[in-house]
């Protein structure tokens, strides 16, 4: 049985938080250990430029995210782990795909439509502050996916459209330039219904854009303080509480096994105080990430080693991207005359 290629990108904006860990990093590292998978994980620093114009922040975020994945046990001998901007073939493939991608397809992209709607709602010009990067970034994402022949792209439900667009673009390219045999692999999205989408401090989805995150590798005291900020209701100790409407319980469940979850659910029924519930949450999270936190801090102190590992990954990645781009160039008629 041939291996399935699985690819995931991580945008280099901000510091990794608990939601990133539970929703993307933990399941991705688990997938990299499955014998049936050939996995590709990359730091999406070109994508970061769409959202952030602070060079120092993009650079620092890239190092922190790389250190996070390595500290949590990603085996770079088993997975291809690289920085997007080190794969020189990706921007060239992006341009070629731009030349076959219909503008109408980009007009339907969720992020672009949301920005236009927000501008109109504010009484502004529809295209205010919308860059070509924001408008056409699904094409860059398509290049990321198609460059490595990904079969499966794990995404949240809000990202399904991007994989479908990559598939549409690949079909169009193959139809135009590969009459005998398709060159670009058509990807499928993979949505894991069992992966938790964590709530943040305010009860909304944990997201950097909401400013409601709990950074993954905070020192112990700071982690406890951040957990203490989780918004709860005014129920007193001794009053039964509903775990299914509690952010504290929702996060706890994402880290707990079945037995621990059942015990916490009973504690809610018995009227556990919010302070005690948050202490239990802190203890559970700290037990899971404590050792990785030490490895993370050690790696941040050795940026040269992080760079060496990313360059190893880039070498592995370019062994695939270079010949693929050569085939693409030939398919569209861009090659030498000898």
C-alpha atoms as a PDB file:
ATOM      1  CA  UNK A   1       0.000   0.000   0.000  1.00  0.00           C
ATOM      2  CA  UNK A   2       1.436   3.370  -1.044  1.00  0.00           C
ATOM      3  CA  UNK A   3       1.801   6.058   1.566  1.00  0.00           C
ATOM      4  CA  UNK A   4      -0.555   9.022   1.710  1.00  0.00           C
ATOM      5  CA  UNK A   5       1.100  12.420   1.605  1.00  0.00           C
ATOM      6  CA  UNK A   6      -0.256  14.654   4.370  1.00  0.00           C
ATOM      7  CA  UNK A   7       0.627  18.375   4.437  1.00  0.00           C
ATOM      8  CA  UNK A   8       0.030  21.103   7.013  1.00  0.00           C
ATOM      9  CA  UNK A   9       1.185  24.741   7.105  1.00  0.00           C
ATOM     10  CA  UNK A  10       1.568  26.896  10.197  1.00  0.00           C
ATOM     11  CA  UNK A  11       1.425  30.673   9.675  1.00  0.00           C
ATOM     12  CA  UNK A  12       4.246  32.475  11.469  1.00  0.00           C
ATOM     13  CA  UNK A  13       2.198  35.093  13.291  1.00  0.00           C
ATOM     14  CA  UNK A  14       2.076  35.106  17.065  1.00  0.00           C
ATOM     15  CA  UNK A  15       3.074  32.652  19.773  1.00  0.00           C
ATOM     16  CA  UNK A  16       1.606  29.111  19.712  1.00  0.00           C
ATOM     17  CA  UNK A  17      -1.248  28.680  22.179  1.00  0.00           C
ATOM     18  CA  UNK A  18      -3.268  25.816  23.658  1.00  0.00           C
ATOM     19  CA  UNK A  19      -5.778  25.960  20.805  1.00  0.00           C
ATOM     20  CA  UNK A  20      -2.989  25.518  18.224  1.00  0.00           C
ATOM     21  CA  UNK A  21      -1.639  22.576  20.184  1.00  0.00           C
ATOM     22  CA  UNK A  22      -4.918  20.721  20.594  1.00  0.00           C
ATOM     23  CA  UNK A  23      -6.374  21.584  17.198  1.00  0.00           C
ATOM     24  CA  UNK A  24      -3.344  21.212  14.930  1.00  0.00           C
ATOM     25  CA  UNK A  25       0.032  20.379  16.434  1.00  0.00           C
ATOM     26  CA  UNK A  26      -0.859  17.364  18.591  1.00  0.00           C
ATOM     27  CA  UNK A  27      -2.874  15.537  15.905  1.00  0.00           C
ATOM     28  CA  UNK A  28      -0.287  16.396  13.231  1.00  0.00           C
ATOM     29  CA  UNK A  29       2.587  14.939  15.239  1.00  0.00           C
ATOM     30  CA  UNK A  30       0.481  11.833  15.871  1.00  0.00           C
ATOM     31  CA  UNK A  31      -0.170  11.552  12.113  1.00  0.00           C
ATOM     32  CA  UNK A  32       3.571  11.774  11.414  1.00  0.00           C
ATOM     33  CA  UNK A  33       4.069   8.580  13.415  1.00  0.00           C
ATOM     34  CA  UNK A  34       1.636   6.541  11.334  1.00  0.00           C
ATOM     35  CA  UNK A  35       3.395   4.178   8.940  1.00  0.00           C
ATOM     36  CA  UNK A  36       0.835   4.839   6.199  1.00  0.00           C
ATOM     37  CA  UNK A  37       1.628   8.580   6.050  1.00  0.00           C
ATOM     38  CA  UNK A  38       4.388  10.654   4.460  1.00  0.00           C
ATOM     39  CA  UNK A  39       4.104  13.984   6.254  1.00  0.00           C
ATOM     40  CA  UNK A  40       5.081  17.548   5.325  1.00  0.00           C
ATOM     41  CA  UNK A  41       4.913  20.401   7.857  1.00  0.00           C
ATOM     42  CA  UNK A  42       6.036  23.916   7.021  1.00  0.00           C
ATOM     43  CA  UNK A  43       6.348  27.394   8.495  1.00  0.00           C
ATOM     44  CA  UNK A  44       4.126  29.541   6.267  1.00  0.00           C
ATOM     45  CA  UNK A  45       6.121  32.761   6.457  1.00  0.00           C
ATOM     46  CA  UNK A  46       4.980  34.075   3.055  1.00  0.00           C
ATOM     47  CA  UNK A  47       1.399  33.779   4.322  1.00  0.00           C
ATOM     48  CA  UNK A  48       2.385  35.705   7.460  1.00  0.00           C
ATOM     49  CA  UNK A  49       3.182  38.783   5.358  1.00  0.00           C
ATOM     50  CA  UNK A  50      -0.502  39.080   4.465  1.00  0.00           C
ATOM     51  CA  UNK A  51      -1.420  39.624   8.113  1.00  0.00           C
ATOM     52  CA  UNK A  52       1.668  41.167   9.670  1.00  0.00           C
ATOM     53  CA  UNK A  53       4.015  43.926   8.508  1.00  0.00           C
ATOM     54  CA  UNK A  54       6.290  43.711  11.537  1.00  0.00           C
ATOM     55  CA  UNK A  55       9.481  41.946  10.344  1.00  0.00           C
ATOM     56  CA  UNK A  56      10.753  41.269  13.867  1.00  0.00           C
ATOM     57  CA  UNK A  57       7.438  39.695  14.866  1.00  0.00           C
ATOM     58  CA  UNK A  58       7.319  37.423  11.806  1.00  0.00           C
ATOM     59  CA  UNK A  59      10.909  36.314  12.393  1.00  0.00           C
ATOM     60  CA  UNK A  60      10.419  35.689  16.116  1.00  0.00           C
ATOM     61  CA  UNK A  61       7.163  33.833  15.530  1.00  0.00           C
ATOM     62  CA  UNK A  62       8.874  31.544  13.034  1.00  0.00           C
ATOM     63  CA  UNK A  63      11.524  30.588  15.563  1.00  0.00           C
ATOM     64  CA  UNK A  64       8.975  30.049  18.330  1.00  0.00           C
ATOM     65  CA  UNK A  65       6.740  27.887  16.152  1.00  0.00           C
ATOM     66  CA  UNK A  66       9.671  25.800  14.907  1.00  0.00           C
ATOM     67  CA  UNK A  67      10.884  25.301  18.484  1.00  0.00           C
ATOM     68  CA  UNK A  68       7.353  24.343  19.549  1.00  0.00           C
ATOM     69  CA  UNK A  69       6.985  21.547  17.017  1.00  0.00           C
ATOM     70  CA  UNK A  70      10.454  20.211  17.743  1.00  0.00           C
ATOM     71  CA  UNK A  71       9.989  20.396  21.515  1.00  0.00           C
ATOM     72  CA  UNK A  72       6.716  18.492  21.273  1.00  0.00           C
ATOM     73  CA  UNK A  73       8.427  15.571  19.606  1.00  0.00           C
ATOM     74  CA  UNK A  74       8.227  16.033  15.850  1.00  0.00           C
ATOM     75  CA  UNK A  75      10.729  13.569  14.383  1.00  0.00           C
ATOM     76  CA  UNK A  76      12.377  15.388  11.479  1.00  0.00           C
ATOM     77  CA  UNK A  77      13.839  12.103  10.267  1.00  0.00           C
ATOM     78  CA  UNK A  78      10.319  10.801   9.769  1.00  0.00           C
ATOM     79  CA  UNK A  79       8.633  14.031   8.607  1.00  0.00           C
ATOM     80  CA  UNK A  80       9.687  16.797   6.220  1.00  0.00           C
ATOM     81  CA  UNK A  81       9.761  20.012   8.293  1.00  0.00           C
ATOM     82  CA  UNK A  82      10.721  23.160   6.409  1.00  0.00           C
ATOM     83  CA  UNK A  83      10.266  26.907   6.019  1.00  0.00           C
ATOM     84  CA  UNK A  84       8.078  27.930   3.090  1.00  0.00           C
ATOM     85  CA  UNK A  85      10.411  30.748   1.983  1.00  0.00           C
ATOM     86  CA  UNK A  86      13.327  28.303   1.672  1.00  0.00           C
ATOM     87  CA  UNK A  87      11.526  26.496  -1.156  1.00  0.00           C
ATOM     88  CA  UNK A  88      12.290  28.810  -4.057  1.00  0.00           C
ATOM     89  CA  UNK A  89      10.058  26.875  -6.404  1.00  0.00           C
ATOM     90  CA  UNK A  90       6.877  27.837  -4.514  1.00  0.00           C
ATOM     91  CA  UNK A  91       6.700  31.506  -5.666  1.00  0.00           C
ATOM     92  CA  UNK A  92       7.318  30.431  -9.276  1.00  0.00           C
ATOM     93  CA  UNK A  93       4.612  27.790  -9.144  1.00  0.00           C
ATOM     94  CA  UNK A  94       2.308  30.371  -7.546  1.00  0.00           C
ATOM     95  CA  UNK A  95       2.765  32.683 -10.541  1.00  0.00           C
ATOM     96  CA  UNK A  96       2.102  29.910 -13.033  1.00  0.00           C
ATOM     97  CA  UNK A  97      -1.044  28.902 -11.150  1.00  0.00           C
ATOM     98  CA  UNK A  98      -2.131  32.566 -11.040  1.00  0.00           C
ATOM     99  CA  UNK A  99      -2.096  32.452 -14.814  1.00  0.00           C
ATOM    100  CA  UNK A 100      -4.669  29.652 -14.923  1.00  0.00           C
ATOM    101  CA  UNK A 101      -6.764  30.603 -11.883  1.00  0.00           C
ATOM    102  CA  UNK A 102     -10.018  32.419 -12.645  1.00  0.00           C
ATOM    103  CA  UNK A 103     -10.478  35.760 -10.880  1.00  0.00           C
ATOM    104  CA  UNK A 104     -14.062  34.740 -10.188  1.00  0.00           C
ATOM    105  CA  UNK A 105     -12.789  31.872  -8.043  1.00  0.00           C
ATOM    106  CA  UNK A 106     -10.813  34.316  -5.899  1.00  0.00           C
ATOM    107  CA  UNK A 107     -13.850  36.619  -5.651  1.00  0.00           C
ATOM    108  CA  UNK A 108     -15.580  33.815  -3.728  1.00  0.00           C
ATOM    109  CA  UNK A 109     -12.789  33.338  -1.164  1.00  0.00           C
ATOM    110  CA  UNK A 110     -14.178  33.660   2.359  1.00  0.00           C
ATOM    111  CA  UNK A 111     -11.438  35.936   3.738  1.00  0.00           C
ATOM    112  CA  UNK A 112     -11.700  38.364   0.820  1.00  0.00           C
ATOM    113  CA  UNK A 113     -15.499  38.467   0.965  1.00  0.00           C
ATOM    114  CA  UNK A 114     -15.416  39.032   4.728  1.00  0.00           C
ATOM    115  CA  UNK A 115     -13.025  41.987   4.298  1.00  0.00           C
ATOM    116  CA  UNK A 116     -15.202  43.504   1.570  1.00  0.00           C
ATOM    117  CA  UNK A 117     -18.357  43.073   3.656  1.00  0.00           C
ATOM    118  CA  UNK A 118     -16.663  44.684   6.679  1.00  0.00           C
ATOM    119  CA  UNK A 119     -15.576  47.673   4.574  1.00  0.00           C
ATOM    120  CA  UNK A 120     -19.057  48.173   3.174  1.00  0.00           C
ATOM    121  CA  UNK A 121     -20.624  47.848   6.627  1.00  0.00           C
ATOM    122  CA  UNK A 122     -18.276  50.614   7.817  1.00  0.00           C
ATOM    123  CA  UNK A 123     -19.242  52.844   4.894  1.00  0.00           C
ATOM    124  CA  UNK A 124     -15.792  52.528   3.312  1.00  0.00           C
ATOM    125  CA  UNK A 125     -14.672  51.668  -0.212  1.00  0.00           C
ATOM    126  CA  UNK A 126     -15.158  47.919  -0.731  1.00  0.00           C
ATOM    127  CA  UNK A 127     -11.445  47.339  -1.383  1.00  0.00           C
ATOM    128  CA  UNK A 128     -10.031  49.542   1.382  1.00  0.00           C
ATOM    129  CA  UNK A 129      -6.776  48.038   2.778  1.00  0.00           C
ATOM    130  CA  UNK A 130      -7.223  44.823   0.774  1.00  0.00           C
ATOM    131  CA  UNK A 131      -3.893  43.780  -0.720  1.00  0.00           C
ATOM    132  CA  UNK A 132      -3.278  41.424  -3.607  1.00  0.00           C
ATOM    133  CA  UNK A 133      -1.741  39.132  -1.026  1.00  0.00           C
ATOM    134  CA  UNK A 134      -5.071  38.831   0.785  1.00  0.00           C
ATOM    135  CA  UNK A 135      -7.023  38.568  -2.469  1.00  0.00           C
ATOM    136  CA  UNK A 136      -4.908  35.848  -4.067  1.00  0.00           C
ATOM    137  CA  UNK A 137      -3.451  33.969  -1.109  1.00  0.00           C
ATOM    138  CA  UNK A 138      -5.554  30.857  -1.927  1.00  0.00           C
ATOM    139  CA  UNK A 139      -3.310  30.517  -4.997  1.00  0.00           C
ATOM    140  CA  UNK A 140      -0.198  30.550  -2.810  1.00  0.00           C
ATOM    141  CA  UNK A 141      -1.877  27.961  -0.609  1.00  0.00           C
ATOM    142  CA  UNK A 142      -2.632  25.884  -3.694  1.00  0.00           C
ATOM    143  CA  UNK A 143       1.056  26.035  -4.660  1.00  0.00           C
ATOM    144  CA  UNK A 144       2.027  24.869  -1.163  1.00  0.00           C
ATOM    145  CA  UNK A 145      -0.265  21.860  -1.503  1.00  0.00           C
ATOM    146  CA  UNK A 146       0.273  20.956  -5.156  1.00  0.00           C
ATOM    147  CA  UNK A 147       4.056  21.326  -5.051  1.00  0.00           C
ATOM    148  CA  UNK A 148       4.349  18.234  -2.880  1.00  0.00           C
ATOM    149  CA  UNK A 149       1.519  16.179  -4.323  1.00  0.00           C
ATOM    150  CA  UNK A 150      -0.410  16.196  -1.061  1.00  0.00           C
ATOM    151  CA  UNK A 151      -3.227  13.656  -0.939  1.00  0.00           C
ATOM    152  CA  UNK A 152      -4.658  14.842   2.373  1.00  0.00           C
ATOM    153  CA  UNK A 153      -4.670  18.328   3.896  1.00  0.00           C
ATOM    154  CA  UNK A 154      -5.954  18.398   7.496  1.00  0.00           C
ATOM    155  CA  UNK A 155      -8.019  21.556   8.022  1.00  0.00           C
ATOM    156  CA  UNK A 156     -10.744  23.025  10.151  1.00  0.00           C
ATOM    157  CA  UNK A 157     -14.176  23.409   8.585  1.00  0.00           C
ATOM    158  CA  UNK A 158     -13.468  27.084   7.855  1.00  0.00           C
ATOM    159  CA  UNK A 159     -10.489  26.081   5.687  1.00  0.00           C
ATOM    160  CA  UNK A 160     -12.204  23.488   3.488  1.00  0.00           C
ATOM    161  CA  UNK A 161     -12.719  26.053   0.734  1.00  0.00           C
ATOM    162  CA  UNK A 162      -8.959  26.533   0.298  1.00  0.00           C
ATOM    163  CA  UNK A 163      -8.362  22.857  -0.411  1.00  0.00           C
ATOM    164  CA  UNK A 164     -11.305  22.810  -2.814  1.00  0.00           C
ATOM    165  CA  UNK A 165      -9.795  25.802  -4.607  1.00  0.00           C
ATOM    166  CA  UNK A 166      -6.433  24.050  -4.850  1.00  0.00           C
ATOM    167  CA  UNK A 167      -8.235  21.103  -6.383  1.00  0.00           C
ATOM    168  CA  UNK A 168     -10.043  23.350  -8.880  1.00  0.00           C
ATOM    169  CA  UNK A 169      -6.789  25.052  -9.872  1.00  0.00           C
ATOM    170  CA  UNK A 170      -5.008  21.698 -10.305  1.00  0.00           C
ATOM    171  CA  UNK A 171      -7.832  20.389 -12.483  1.00  0.00           C
ATOM    172  CA  UNK A 172      -7.680  23.498 -14.665  1.00  0.00           C
ATOM    173  CA  UNK A 173      -3.897  23.206 -15.039  1.00  0.00           C
ATOM    174  CA  UNK A 174      -4.076  19.506 -15.913  1.00  0.00           C
ATOM    175  CA  UNK A 175      -6.859  20.158 -18.423  1.00  0.00           C
ATOM    176  CA  UNK A 176      -4.888  22.893 -20.187  1.00  0.00           C
ATOM    177  CA  UNK A 177      -1.392  21.433 -20.165  1.00  0.00           C
ATOM    178  CA  UNK A 178      -1.474  17.714 -19.382  1.00  0.00           C
ATOM    179  CA  UNK A 179      -3.733  16.094 -21.947  1.00  0.00           C
ATOM    180  CA  UNK A 180      -2.130  12.640 -21.750  1.00  0.00           C
ATOM    181  CA  UNK A 181      -1.482  12.281 -18.048  1.00  0.00           C
ATOM    182  CA  UNK A 182      -2.317  14.634 -15.130  1.00  0.00           C
ATOM    183  CA  UNK A 183       0.758  16.220 -13.563  1.00  0.00           C
ATOM    184  CA  UNK A 184      -0.691  17.855 -10.461  1.00  0.00           C
ATOM    185  CA  UNK A 185      -2.224  15.639  -7.766  1.00  0.00           C
ATOM    186  CA  UNK A 186      -5.769  16.549  -6.750  1.00  0.00           C
ATOM    187  CA  UNK A 187      -5.820  16.986  -2.966  1.00  0.00           C
ATOM    188  CA  UNK A 188      -8.604  16.123  -0.534  1.00  0.00           C
ATOM    189  CA  UNK A 189      -9.326  17.912   2.713  1.00  0.00           C
ATOM    190  CA  UNK A 190      -9.388  16.014   5.979  1.00  0.00           C
ATOM    191  CA  UNK A 191     -11.568  17.276   8.813  1.00  0.00           C
ATOM    192  CA  UNK A 192     -11.220  15.436  12.104  1.00  0.00           C
ATOM    193  CA  UNK A 193     -14.522  15.825  13.933  1.00  0.00           C
ATOM    194  CA  UNK A 194     -12.862  14.595  17.128  1.00  0.00           C
ATOM    195  CA  UNK A 195     -10.281  17.397  17.258  1.00  0.00           C
ATOM    196  CA  UNK A 196     -11.354  20.029  19.766  1.00  0.00           C
ATOM    197  CA  UNK A 197     -11.693  23.712  18.896  1.00  0.00           C
ATOM    198  CA  UNK A 198     -10.799  25.307  22.217  1.00  0.00           C
ATOM    199  CA  UNK A 199     -12.610  28.231  23.753  1.00  0.00           C
ATOM    200  CA  UNK A 200     -10.521  31.174  24.873  1.00  0.00           C
ATOM    201  CA  UNK A 201     -10.467  33.223  28.059  1.00  0.00           C
ATOM    202  CA  UNK A 202     -13.694  34.993  27.096  1.00  0.00           C
ATOM    203  CA  UNK A 203     -15.592  31.922  25.901  1.00  0.00           C
ATOM    204  CA  UNK A 204     -15.146  32.641  22.191  1.00  0.00           C
ATOM    205  CA  UNK A 205     -12.929  30.492  19.981  1.00  0.00           C
ATOM    206  CA  UNK A 206      -9.324  30.739  21.188  1.00  0.00           C
ATOM    207  CA  UNK A 207      -7.662  32.989  18.629  1.00  0.00           C
ATOM    208  CA  UNK A 208      -4.820  35.487  18.440  1.00  0.00           C
ATOM    209  CA  UNK A 209      -7.170  37.886  16.656  1.00  0.00           C
ATOM    210  CA  UNK A 210      -9.440  37.938  19.737  1.00  0.00           C
ATOM    211  CA  UNK A 211      -6.565  38.338  22.197  1.00  0.00           C
ATOM    212  CA  UNK A 212      -8.042  35.553  24.335  1.00  0.00           C
ATOM    213  CA  UNK A 213      -5.340  32.883  24.089  1.00  0.00           C
ATOM    214  CA  UNK A 214      -3.360  30.910  26.636  1.00  0.00           C
ATOM    215  CA  UNK A 215       0.207  30.621  25.279  1.00  0.00           C
ATOM    216  CA  UNK A 216       1.373  27.023  25.258  1.00  0.00           C
ATOM    217  CA  UNK A 217       4.713  27.353  27.017  1.00  0.00           C
ATOM    218  CA  UNK A 218       4.131  30.012  29.629  1.00  0.00           C
ATOM    219  CA  UNK A 219       6.181  29.558  32.825  1.00  0.00           C
ATOM    220  CA  UNK A 220       4.185  27.751  35.522  1.00  0.00           C
ATOM    221  CA  UNK A 221       3.179  30.824  37.530  1.00  0.00           C
ATOM    222  CA  UNK A 222       2.147  32.755  34.434  1.00  0.00           C
ATOM    223  CA  UNK A 223       0.211  29.759  33.122  1.00  0.00           C
ATOM    224  CA  UNK A 224      -1.739  29.589  36.394  1.00  0.00           C
ATOM    225  CA  UNK A 225      -2.447  33.347  36.241  1.00  0.00           C
ATOM    226  CA  UNK A 226      -3.675  33.087  32.659  1.00  0.00           C
ATOM    227  CA  UNK A 227      -5.958  30.154  33.484  1.00  0.00           C
ATOM    228  CA  UNK A 228      -7.357  32.165  36.399  1.00  0.00           C
ATOM    229  CA  UNK A 229      -8.509  34.784  33.846  1.00  0.00           C
ATOM    230  CA  UNK A 230     -10.958  32.359  32.212  1.00  0.00           C
ATOM    231  CA  UNK A 231     -14.414  33.904  32.474  1.00  0.00           C
ATOM    232  CA  UNK A 232     -16.898  31.935  34.617  1.00  0.00           C
ATOM    233  CA  UNK A 233     -20.372  32.607  35.985  1.00  0.00           C
ATOM    234  CA  UNK A 234     -21.195  33.732  39.526  1.00  0.00           C
ATOM    235  CA  UNK A 235     -22.162  30.332  40.925  1.00  0.00           C
ATOM    236  CA  UNK A 236     -20.733  29.727  44.382  1.00  0.00           C
ATOM    237  CA  UNK A 237     -18.857  26.626  45.646  1.00  0.00           C
ATOM    238  CA  UNK A 238     -21.389  23.928  46.505  1.00  0.00           C
ATOM    239  CA  UNK A 239     -23.776  24.882  43.700  1.00  0.00           C
ATOM    240  CA  UNK A 240     -24.009  22.261  40.913  1.00  0.00           C
ATOM    241  CA  UNK A 241     -22.537  23.576  37.665  1.00  0.00           C
ATOM    242  CA  UNK A 242     -23.118  22.682  34.016  1.00  0.00           C
ATOM    243  CA  UNK A 243     -19.862  21.388  32.512  1.00  0.00           C
ATOM    244  CA  UNK A 244     -21.212  21.656  28.972  1.00  0.00           C
ATOM    245  CA  UNK A 245     -21.420  25.454  29.189  1.00  0.00           C
ATOM    246  CA  UNK A 246     -18.079  25.885  30.980  1.00  0.00           C
ATOM    247  CA  UNK A 247     -14.919  27.044  29.226  1.00  0.00           C
ATOM    248  CA  UNK A 248     -12.831  25.584  32.060  1.00  0.00           C
ATOM    249  CA  UNK A 249     -14.369  22.151  31.533  1.00  0.00           C
ATOM    250  CA  UNK A 250     -14.146  22.396  27.748  1.00  0.00           C
ATOM    251  CA  UNK A 251     -10.398  23.012  27.890  1.00  0.00           C
ATOM    252  CA  UNK A 252      -9.938  20.388  30.629  1.00  0.00           C
ATOM    253  CA  UNK A 253     -11.681  17.765  28.492  1.00  0.00           C
ATOM    254  CA  UNK A 254      -9.265  18.391  25.615  1.00  0.00           C
ATOM    255  CA  UNK A 255      -6.329  17.328  27.817  1.00  0.00           C
ATOM    256  CA  UNK A 256      -7.995  14.668  29.971  1.00  0.00           C
ATOM    257  CA  UNK A 257      -8.525  10.960  29.450  1.00  0.00           C
ATOM    258  CA  UNK A 258     -11.983   9.413  29.775  1.00  0.00           C
ATOM    259  CA  UNK A 259     -11.591   8.669  33.477  1.00  0.00           C
ATOM    260  CA  UNK A 260     -10.372  12.167  34.327  1.00  0.00           C
ATOM    261  CA  UNK A 261     -13.186  13.700  32.289  1.00  0.00           C
ATOM    262  CA  UNK A 262     -15.804  11.634  34.141  1.00  0.00           C
ATOM    263  CA  UNK A 263     -14.315  12.612  37.508  1.00  0.00           C
ATOM    264  CA  UNK A 264     -14.361  16.309  36.596  1.00  0.00           C
ATOM    265  CA  UNK A 265     -17.927  16.072  35.335  1.00  0.00           C
ATOM    266  CA  UNK A 266     -18.928  14.581  38.697  1.00  0.00           C
ATOM    267  CA  UNK A 267     -17.049  17.341  40.507  1.00  0.00           C
ATOM    268  CA  UNK A 268     -19.154  19.885  38.628  1.00  0.00           C
ATOM    269  CA  UNK A 269     -22.306  18.073  39.686  1.00  0.00           C
ATOM    270  CA  UNK A 270     -21.035  18.143  43.271  1.00  0.00           C
ATOM    271  CA  UNK A 271     -20.511  21.917  43.119  1.00  0.00           C
ATOM    272  CA  UNK A 272     -16.748  22.320  42.738  1.00  0.00           C
ATOM    273  CA  UNK A 273     -15.628  25.932  43.172  1.00  0.00           C
ATOM    274  CA  UNK A 274     -14.294  27.762  40.159  1.00  0.00           C
ATOM    275  CA  UNK A 275     -10.947  28.303  41.848  1.00  0.00           C
ATOM    276  CA  UNK A 276     -10.526  24.573  42.471  1.00  0.00           C
ATOM    277  CA  UNK A 277     -11.640  23.739  38.934  1.00  0.00           C
ATOM    278  CA  UNK A 278      -9.011  26.099  37.523  1.00  0.00           C
ATOM    279  CA  UNK A 279      -6.336  24.577  39.770  1.00  0.00           C
ATOM    280  CA  UNK A 280      -7.189  21.136  38.385  1.00  0.00           C
ATOM    281  CA  UNK A 281      -7.013  22.502  34.844  1.00  0.00           C
ATOM    282  CA  UNK A 282      -3.604  24.043  35.497  1.00  0.00           C
ATOM    283  CA  UNK A 283      -2.248  20.798  36.994  1.00  0.00           C
ATOM    284  CA  UNK A 284      -3.473  18.764  34.015  1.00  0.00           C
ATOM    285  CA  UNK A 285      -2.039  21.083  31.365  1.00  0.00           C
ATOM    286  CA  UNK A 286       1.227  21.600  33.207  1.00  0.00           C
ATOM    287  CA  UNK A 287       1.719  17.839  33.510  1.00  0.00           C
ATOM    288  CA  UNK A 288       1.325  17.426  29.750  1.00  0.00           C
ATOM    289  CA  UNK A 289       3.496  20.314  28.560  1.00  0.00           C
ATOM    290  CA  UNK A 290       6.037  20.668  31.385  1.00  0.00           C
ATOM    291  CA  UNK A 291       8.840  18.578  29.879  1.00  0.00           C
ATOM    292  CA  UNK A 292       8.236  20.005  26.406  1.00  0.00           C
ATOM    293  CA  UNK A 293       8.438  23.515  27.908  1.00  0.00           C
ATOM    294  CA  UNK A 294      11.987  22.783  29.086  1.00  0.00           C
ATOM    295  CA  UNK A 295      12.954  21.477  25.641  1.00  0.00           C
ATOM    296  CA  UNK A 296      11.336  24.527  24.029  1.00  0.00           C
ATOM    297  CA  UNK A 297      13.327  26.988  26.137  1.00  0.00           C
ATOM    298  CA  UNK A 298      16.502  25.032  25.439  1.00  0.00           C
ATOM    299  CA  UNK A 299      15.866  25.163  21.689  1.00  0.00           C
ATOM    300  CA  UNK A 300      15.177  28.910  21.733  1.00  0.00           C
ATOM    301  CA  UNK A 301      18.602  29.350  23.284  1.00  0.00           C
ATOM    302  CA  UNK A 302      20.096  27.462  20.302  1.00  0.00           C
ATOM    303  CA  UNK A 303      18.705  29.181  17.178  1.00  0.00           C
ATOM    304  CA  UNK A 304      21.532  27.813  15.029  1.00  0.00           C
ATOM    305  CA  UNK A 305      20.375  24.279  15.768  1.00  0.00           C
ATOM    306  CA  UNK A 306      16.797  25.172  14.815  1.00  0.00           C
ATOM    307  CA  UNK A 307      18.095  26.649  11.568  1.00  0.00           C
ATOM    308  CA  UNK A 308      20.146  23.533  10.813  1.00  0.00           C
ATOM    309  CA  UNK A 309      17.072  21.325  11.236  1.00  0.00           C
ATOM    310  CA  UNK A 310      14.971  23.566   8.995  1.00  0.00           C
ATOM    311  CA  UNK A 311      17.668  23.497   6.336  1.00  0.00           C
ATOM    312  CA  UNK A 312      17.723  19.699   6.493  1.00  0.00           C
ATOM    313  CA  UNK A 313      14.002  19.803   5.860  1.00  0.00           C
ATOM    314  CA  UNK A 314      14.408  22.276   3.003  1.00  0.00           C
ATOM    315  CA  UNK A 315      16.890  19.957   1.324  1.00  0.00           C
ATOM    316  CA  UNK A 316      14.423  17.070   1.550  1.00  0.00           C
ATOM    317  CA  UNK A 317      11.578  19.268   0.315  1.00  0.00           C
ATOM    318  CA  UNK A 318      13.507  20.673  -2.647  1.00  0.00           C
ATOM    319  CA  UNK A 319      14.373  17.163  -3.778  1.00  0.00           C
ATOM    320  CA  UNK A 320      10.653  16.988  -4.586  1.00  0.00           C
ATOM    321  CA  UNK A 321       9.890  20.588  -5.559  1.00  0.00           C
ATOM    322  CA  UNK A 322      12.729  21.040  -8.065  1.00  0.00           C
ATOM    323  CA  UNK A 323      11.825  18.154 -10.392  1.00  0.00           C
ATOM    324  CA  UNK A 324       8.107  18.926 -10.096  1.00  0.00           C
ATOM    325  CA  UNK A 325       8.661  22.535 -11.133  1.00  0.00           C
ATOM    326  CA  UNK A 326      10.783  21.394 -14.071  1.00  0.00           C
ATOM    327  CA  UNK A 327       7.857  19.280 -15.248  1.00  0.00           C
ATOM    328  CA  UNK A 328       5.476  22.212 -14.777  1.00  0.00           C
ATOM    329  CA  UNK A 329       7.782  24.533 -16.734  1.00  0.00           C
ATOM    330  CA  UNK A 330       7.983  22.058 -19.595  1.00  0.00           C
ATOM    331  CA  UNK A 331       4.247  21.569 -19.541  1.00  0.00           C
ATOM    332  CA  UNK A 332       3.632  25.320 -20.038  1.00  0.00           C
ATOM    333  CA  UNK A 333       6.474  25.763 -22.555  1.00  0.00           C
ATOM    334  CA  UNK A 334       9.054  27.527 -20.387  1.00  0.00           C
ATOM    335  CA  UNK A 335      12.379  25.739 -20.883  1.00  0.00           C
ATOM    336  CA  UNK A 336      15.626  26.027 -22.851  1.00  0.00           C
ATOM    337  CA  UNK A 337      16.138  25.424 -26.580  1.00  0.00           C
ATOM    338  CA  UNK A 338      18.847  22.766 -26.413  1.00  0.00           C
END
